[in-house]
Protein backbone atom coordinates (compact mmCIF):
# COMPACT_ATOMS: atom_id res chain seq x y z
CA MET A 1 100.03 -46.50 148.88
CA PRO A 2 100.31 -50.26 149.43
CA THR A 3 97.20 -52.39 149.27
CA ASP A 4 95.91 -54.38 152.24
CA GLN A 5 96.95 -57.53 150.42
CA GLU A 6 100.54 -56.25 150.05
CA LEU A 7 100.64 -55.35 153.74
CA GLU A 8 99.28 -58.77 154.69
CA MET A 9 101.92 -60.45 152.51
CA SER A 10 104.64 -58.38 154.22
CA LEU A 11 103.44 -59.49 157.66
CA ARG A 12 103.13 -63.14 156.66
CA GLY A 13 106.53 -63.03 154.96
CA ALA A 14 108.02 -61.92 158.29
CA ALA A 15 106.18 -64.76 160.10
CA LEU A 16 103.85 -62.32 161.88
CA ARG A 17 100.14 -62.82 162.42
CA VAL A 18 97.98 -60.45 160.43
CA THR A 19 96.04 -58.20 162.82
CA ARG A 20 94.15 -54.97 162.27
CA PRO A 21 96.57 -52.93 164.44
CA ARG A 22 99.62 -54.33 162.61
CA LEU A 23 98.06 -53.58 159.22
CA ALA A 24 97.12 -50.05 160.33
CA VAL A 25 100.56 -49.24 161.79
CA LEU A 26 102.38 -50.61 158.75
CA ALA A 27 100.10 -48.62 156.41
CA VAL A 28 100.74 -45.41 158.39
CA LEU A 29 104.51 -45.90 158.27
CA ARG A 30 104.48 -46.63 154.54
CA GLU A 31 102.73 -43.29 154.05
CA HIS A 32 104.45 -41.20 156.76
CA ALA A 33 108.17 -41.79 157.09
CA HIS A 34 109.96 -40.82 160.30
CA ALA A 35 106.78 -40.79 162.39
CA THR A 36 106.92 -40.73 166.18
CA THR A 37 104.93 -43.20 168.26
CA ASP A 38 102.38 -40.48 169.07
CA GLU A 39 102.02 -39.58 165.38
CA VAL A 40 101.51 -43.25 164.49
CA LEU A 41 98.95 -43.62 167.29
CA GLY A 42 97.01 -40.55 166.16
CA ARG A 43 96.84 -41.73 162.55
CA VAL A 44 95.99 -45.32 163.49
CA ARG A 45 93.16 -44.12 165.76
CA VAL A 46 91.48 -42.49 162.76
CA GLN A 47 90.99 -46.02 161.43
CA LEU A 48 90.86 -47.92 164.75
CA PRO A 49 89.64 -45.56 167.51
CA GLU A 50 89.81 -48.28 170.15
CA VAL A 51 93.53 -49.07 169.72
CA SER A 52 95.60 -48.42 172.85
CA HIS A 53 98.92 -46.66 173.17
CA GLN A 54 100.44 -49.92 174.46
CA ALA A 55 99.13 -51.83 171.44
CA VAL A 56 100.88 -49.40 169.10
CA TYR A 57 104.12 -49.73 171.11
CA ASP A 58 103.82 -53.53 170.91
CA VAL A 59 103.16 -53.45 167.16
CA LEU A 60 106.10 -51.10 166.52
CA ARG A 61 108.37 -53.40 168.53
CA ALA A 62 107.16 -56.50 166.65
CA LEU A 63 107.53 -54.83 163.24
CA THR A 64 111.01 -53.55 164.14
CA THR A 65 112.13 -56.95 165.43
CA ALA A 66 110.79 -58.60 162.27
CA GLY A 67 112.72 -56.13 160.10
CA LEU A 68 109.65 -54.56 158.50
CA VAL A 69 110.24 -51.23 160.23
CA ARG A 70 113.37 -49.32 161.19
CA ARG A 71 113.64 -47.31 164.40
CA ILE A 72 115.83 -44.23 164.32
CA GLU A 73 116.70 -41.90 167.20
CA PRO A 74 118.44 -38.73 166.08
CA GLN A 75 120.24 -37.10 169.01
CA GLY A 76 117.82 -35.05 171.08
CA SER A 77 114.76 -36.54 169.40
CA VAL A 78 112.21 -39.15 170.38
CA ALA A 79 112.30 -42.44 168.50
CA ARG A 80 110.94 -42.31 164.99
CA TYR A 81 109.92 -45.15 162.71
CA GLU A 82 110.05 -45.74 158.99
CA ALA A 83 109.07 -48.56 156.67
CA ARG A 84 112.05 -48.02 154.36
CA VAL A 85 114.31 -50.89 155.40
CA GLY A 86 117.04 -53.05 153.95
CA ASP A 87 118.82 -50.42 151.88
CA ASN A 88 121.09 -48.86 154.56
CA HIS A 89 120.04 -45.31 153.70
CA HIS A 90 120.93 -42.36 155.92
CA HIS A 91 119.24 -39.17 157.13
CA LEU A 92 119.47 -35.38 157.00
CA VAL A 93 118.08 -33.69 160.13
CA CYS A 94 117.27 -30.00 160.44
CA ARG A 95 118.64 -28.52 163.66
CA SER A 96 115.85 -25.93 163.73
CA CYS A 97 112.57 -27.67 162.85
CA ALA A 98 113.70 -31.34 163.24
CA ARG A 99 112.59 -32.24 159.71
CA ILE A 100 114.14 -35.57 158.62
CA VAL A 101 114.87 -36.47 155.01
CA ASP A 102 116.20 -39.75 153.62
CA VAL A 103 119.58 -39.81 151.88
CA ASP A 104 120.59 -42.78 149.77
CA CYS A 105 123.76 -44.66 150.58
CA VAL A 106 126.74 -42.31 150.86
CA VAL A 107 129.19 -44.27 148.71
CA GLY A 108 129.08 -47.80 147.33
CA ALA A 109 127.07 -50.75 148.54
CA ALA A 110 125.90 -51.42 152.07
CA PRO A 111 127.26 -50.81 154.62
CA CYS A 112 128.27 -47.68 152.64
CA LEU A 113 131.18 -46.86 154.92
CA THR A 114 134.13 -48.94 155.98
CA PRO A 115 135.49 -48.32 159.48
CA SER A 116 139.20 -47.65 159.80
CA ALA A 117 139.37 -50.64 162.17
CA SER A 118 136.70 -53.33 162.48
CA HIS A 119 138.05 -54.78 165.76
CA GLY A 120 136.87 -58.19 164.55
CA PHE A 121 133.29 -57.10 163.91
CA THR A 122 131.49 -58.22 160.77
CA VAL A 123 129.98 -54.89 159.73
CA ASP A 124 126.64 -55.11 157.91
CA GLU A 125 125.21 -51.63 158.42
CA ALA A 126 126.39 -48.06 158.89
CA GLU A 127 124.28 -45.26 160.32
CA VAL A 128 125.08 -41.72 159.28
CA VAL A 129 123.12 -38.64 160.32
CA PHE A 130 123.83 -35.35 158.59
CA TRP A 131 122.85 -32.27 160.63
CA GLY A 132 122.14 -28.81 159.29
CA LEU A 133 119.28 -26.50 158.33
CA CYS A 134 116.57 -27.40 155.85
CA PRO A 135 115.86 -24.94 153.00
CA GLN A 136 112.95 -23.32 154.86
CA CYS A 137 114.96 -22.79 158.06
CA SER A 138 118.07 -21.54 156.27
CA ALA A 139 116.16 -18.93 154.24
CA PRO A 140 116.48 -15.32 155.39
CA SER A 141 113.94 -14.64 158.15
CA SER A 142 111.86 -12.38 155.88
CA ASP A 143 111.43 -15.32 153.45
CA ARG A 144 110.95 -17.95 156.14
CA LYS A 145 107.52 -19.42 156.74
CA GLU A 146 106.73 -20.60 160.22
CA VAL A 147 107.21 -24.35 160.54
CA LEU A 148 104.99 -26.12 163.04
């Protein structure tokens, strides 16, 4: 778990003011990858009960814009946020329970994949989502534990 000083340095390094809500949101995302806005809000409110839903939205937007947080939106899912940025990793998503797991770059250096035609774009990132069933959901039903 990162220290408050490390979180403050991250914010300052991205030219963001250090505020209690920003520190709390960043700390939550460093501990809980792929969290939804509501999950972030719930965890932040343990530390800062007075923080509003709008404040968390604003902080997530500022952190995403600054490049400290990455927003992902797997098809059929609400937006999720993670603090793992800058490495162009990808995701595995379970079709049954919606569990999301990080996968390192598919092949080579970022952007990991080269499009068959760039159409003049300078490609700097590729997003790949692998869909399937996680080990718990793919186990025979007699072995499967309920996932909530």
